[in-house]
Amino acid sequence: MSERLTLLAYDPGVSPKGGGLPGLDVLRTVVNSINLFGIVAVVGALAVSLGVWAWGHHSGGHQAEANGKKGAVVAAAAALGLGAANGIVAFFSALGQQVR
């Protein structure tokens, strides 16, 4: 039983280190580019959603108006997520490092 607890409490000594692998700068550039494309797509989705919302409101199409509102909220949430991605990952990474 004691040996089993020792195995569960074993610290493998793994921690993230910058510059450990070749190509890390390229990977960061690719991820930054994906984030930029996501933000540009969200701007387009927000513009379309706001247009559908306005068209539904002025034409009396309640379903179109509701869908435009939903699309605008989803686009805003996606923009929030894309913008806060670094902070969210950093927060949970720091939180995870506190676990003993």
C-alpha atoms as a PDB file:
ATOM      1  CA  MET A   1       0.000   0.000   0.000  1.00  0.00           C
ATOM      2  CA  SER A   2       2.838   2.388   0.906  1.00  0.00           C
ATOM      3  CA  GLU A   3       4.585   1.751  -2.414  1.00  0.00           C
ATOM      4  CA  ARG A   4       1.373   2.529  -4.288  1.00  0.00           C
ATOM      5  CA  LEU A   5       1.007   5.902  -2.514  1.00  0.00           C
ATOM      6  CA  THR A   6       4.635   6.691  -3.284  1.00  0.00           C
ATOM      7  CA  LEU A   7       3.986   6.073  -6.987  1.00  0.00           C
ATOM      8  CA  LEU A   8       0.939   8.364  -6.913  1.00  0.00           C
ATOM      9  CA  ALA A   9       2.946  11.154  -5.261  1.00  0.00           C
ATOM     10  CA  TYR A  10       5.925  10.845  -7.628  1.00  0.00           C
ATOM     11  CA  ASP A  11       6.995  14.124  -9.199  1.00  0.00           C
ATOM     12  CA  PRO A  12       8.180  13.501 -12.772  1.00  0.00           C
ATOM     13  CA  GLY A  13       9.899  16.918 -12.838  1.00  0.00           C
ATOM     14  CA  VAL A  14       8.285  18.058 -16.089  1.00  0.00           C
ATOM     15  CA  SER A  15       7.822  21.796 -16.603  1.00  0.00           C
ATOM     16  CA  PRO A  16       7.362  23.934 -19.720  1.00  0.00           C
ATOM     17  CA  LYS A  17      10.498  25.610 -21.059  1.00  0.00           C
ATOM     18  CA  GLY A  18      10.686  28.097 -23.889  1.00  0.00           C
ATOM     19  CA  GLY A  19      13.055  27.398 -26.751  1.00  0.00           C
ATOM     20  CA  GLY A  20      13.298  23.685 -26.089  1.00  0.00           C
ATOM     21  CA  LEU A  21      12.195  22.559 -29.539  1.00  0.00           C
ATOM     22  CA  PRO A  22      13.101  23.802 -32.981  1.00  0.00           C
ATOM     23  CA  GLY A  23      10.229  25.447 -34.798  1.00  0.00           C
ATOM     24  CA  LEU A  24       8.611  26.984 -31.727  1.00  0.00           C
ATOM     25  CA  ASP A  25       8.722  30.462 -33.290  1.00  0.00           C
ATOM     26  CA  VAL A  26       7.060  29.107 -36.437  1.00  0.00           C
ATOM     27  CA  LEU A  27       4.333  27.461 -34.357  1.00  0.00           C
ATOM     28  CA  ARG A  28       3.698  30.727 -32.510  1.00  0.00           C
ATOM     29  CA  THR A  29       3.440  32.562 -35.823  1.00  0.00           C
ATOM     30  CA  VAL A  30       0.962  29.987 -37.149  1.00  0.00           C
ATOM     31  CA  VAL A  31      -1.194  30.197 -34.004  1.00  0.00           C
ATOM     32  CA  ASN A  32      -1.120  34.009 -34.105  1.00  0.00           C
ATOM     33  CA  SER A  33      -2.212  33.895 -37.749  1.00  0.00           C
ATOM     34  CA  ILE A  34      -5.054  31.497 -36.942  1.00  0.00           C
ATOM     35  CA  ASN A  35      -6.170  33.857 -34.174  1.00  0.00           C
ATOM     36  CA  LEU A  36      -6.099  36.783 -36.612  1.00  0.00           C
ATOM     37  CA  PHE A  37      -8.186  34.866 -39.175  1.00  0.00           C
ATOM     38  CA  GLY A  38     -10.634  33.992 -36.403  1.00  0.00           C
ATOM     39  CA  ILE A  39     -10.992  37.628 -35.398  1.00  0.00           C
ATOM     40  CA  VAL A  40     -11.530  38.698 -39.017  1.00  0.00           C
ATOM     41  CA  ALA A  41     -14.176  35.970 -39.421  1.00  0.00           C
ATOM     42  CA  VAL A  42     -15.911  37.142 -36.245  1.00  0.00           C
ATOM     43  CA  VAL A  43     -16.047  40.701 -37.582  1.00  0.00           C
ATOM     44  CA  GLY A  44     -17.741  39.383 -40.730  1.00  0.00           C
ATOM     45  CA  ALA A  45     -20.139  37.212 -38.730  1.00  0.00           C
ATOM     46  CA  LEU A  46     -21.046  40.154 -36.514  1.00  0.00           C
ATOM     47  CA  ALA A  47     -21.713  42.380 -39.526  1.00  0.00           C
ATOM     48  CA  VAL A  48     -23.939  39.744 -41.147  1.00  0.00           C
ATOM     49  CA  SER A  49     -25.786  39.072 -37.877  1.00  0.00           C
ATOM     50  CA  LEU A  50     -26.434  42.747 -37.290  1.00  0.00           C
ATOM     51  CA  GLY A  51     -27.699  43.070 -40.867  1.00  0.00           C
ATOM     52  CA  VAL A  52     -30.070  40.114 -40.404  1.00  0.00           C
ATOM     53  CA  TRP A  53     -31.246  41.586 -37.109  1.00  0.00           C
ATOM     54  CA  ALA A  54     -31.994  44.963 -38.706  1.00  0.00           C
ATOM     55  CA  TRP A  55     -33.632  43.389 -41.774  1.00  0.00           C
ATOM     56  CA  GLY A  56     -35.815  41.153 -39.591  1.00  0.00           C
ATOM     57  CA  HIS A  57     -36.826  44.078 -37.412  1.00  0.00           C
ATOM     58  CA  HIS A  58     -37.795  46.336 -40.294  1.00  0.00           C
ATOM     59  CA  SER A  59     -39.515  43.653 -42.369  1.00  0.00           C
ATOM     60  CA  GLY A  60     -41.499  42.180 -39.491  1.00  0.00           C
ATOM     61  CA  GLY A  61     -39.634  38.858 -39.650  1.00  0.00           C
ATOM     62  CA  HIS A  62     -39.499  37.940 -35.997  1.00  0.00           C
ATOM     63  CA  GLN A  63     -37.580  34.723 -36.643  1.00  0.00           C
ATOM     64  CA  ALA A  64     -34.919  36.553 -38.658  1.00  0.00           C
ATOM     65  CA  GLU A  65     -34.696  39.220 -35.967  1.00  0.00           C
ATOM     66  CA  ALA A  66     -34.212  36.582 -33.256  1.00  0.00           C
ATOM     67  CA  ASN A  67     -31.591  34.757 -35.322  1.00  0.00           C
ATOM     68  CA  GLY A  68     -29.733  38.024 -35.918  1.00  0.00           C
ATOM     69  CA  LYS A  69     -29.692  38.710 -32.188  1.00  0.00           C
ATOM     70  CA  LYS A  70     -28.395  35.220 -31.448  1.00  0.00           C
ATOM     71  CA  GLY A  71     -25.722  35.574 -34.106  1.00  0.00           C
ATOM     72  CA  ALA A  72     -24.599  38.917 -32.702  1.00  0.00           C
ATOM     73  CA  VAL A  73     -24.302  37.483 -29.194  1.00  0.00           C
ATOM     74  CA  VAL A  74     -22.392  34.427 -30.440  1.00  0.00           C
ATOM     75  CA  ALA A  75     -20.039  36.619 -32.485  1.00  0.00           C
ATOM     76  CA  ALA A  76     -19.415  38.856 -29.467  1.00  0.00           C
ATOM     77  CA  ALA A  77     -18.697  35.807 -27.292  1.00  0.00           C
ATOM     78  CA  ALA A  78     -16.329  34.426 -29.932  1.00  0.00           C
ATOM     79  CA  ALA A  79     -14.487  37.759 -30.060  1.00  0.00           C
ATOM     80  CA  LEU A  80     -14.201  37.701 -26.272  1.00  0.00           C
ATOM     81  CA  GLY A  81     -12.813  34.169 -26.353  1.00  0.00           C
ATOM     82  CA  LEU A  82     -10.314  34.910 -29.110  1.00  0.00           C
ATOM     83  CA  GLY A  83      -9.121  38.065 -27.425  1.00  0.00           C
ATOM     84  CA  ALA A  84      -8.819  36.460 -24.009  1.00  0.00           C
ATOM     85  CA  ALA A  85      -7.288  33.154 -25.152  1.00  0.00           C
ATOM     86  CA  ASN A  86      -3.766  33.978 -23.922  1.00  0.00           C
ATOM     87  CA  GLY A  87      -5.034  35.200 -20.569  1.00  0.00           C
ATOM     88  CA  ILE A  88      -7.314  32.198 -20.065  1.00  0.00           C
ATOM     89  CA  VAL A  89      -4.527  29.723 -20.820  1.00  0.00           C
ATOM     90  CA  ALA A  90      -2.048  31.642 -18.628  1.00  0.00           C
ATOM     91  CA  PHE A  91      -4.561  31.747 -15.758  1.00  0.00           C
ATOM     92  CA  PHE A  92      -5.291  28.022 -15.811  1.00  0.00           C
ATOM     93  CA  SER A  93      -1.629  27.148 -16.362  1.00  0.00           C
ATOM     94  CA  ALA A  94      -0.673  29.160 -13.271  1.00  0.00           C
ATOM     95  CA  LEU A  95      -3.548  27.566 -11.367  1.00  0.00           C
ATOM     96  CA  GLY A  96      -2.406  24.102 -12.419  1.00  0.00           C
ATOM     97  CA  GLN A  97       1.153  24.786 -11.266  1.00  0.00           C
ATOM     98  CA  GLN A  98      -0.162  25.407  -7.755  1.00  0.00           C
ATOM     99  CA  VAL A  99      -1.550  21.877  -7.470  1.00  0.00           C
ATOM    100  CA  ARG A 100       0.635  19.723  -5.237  1.00  0.00           C
END
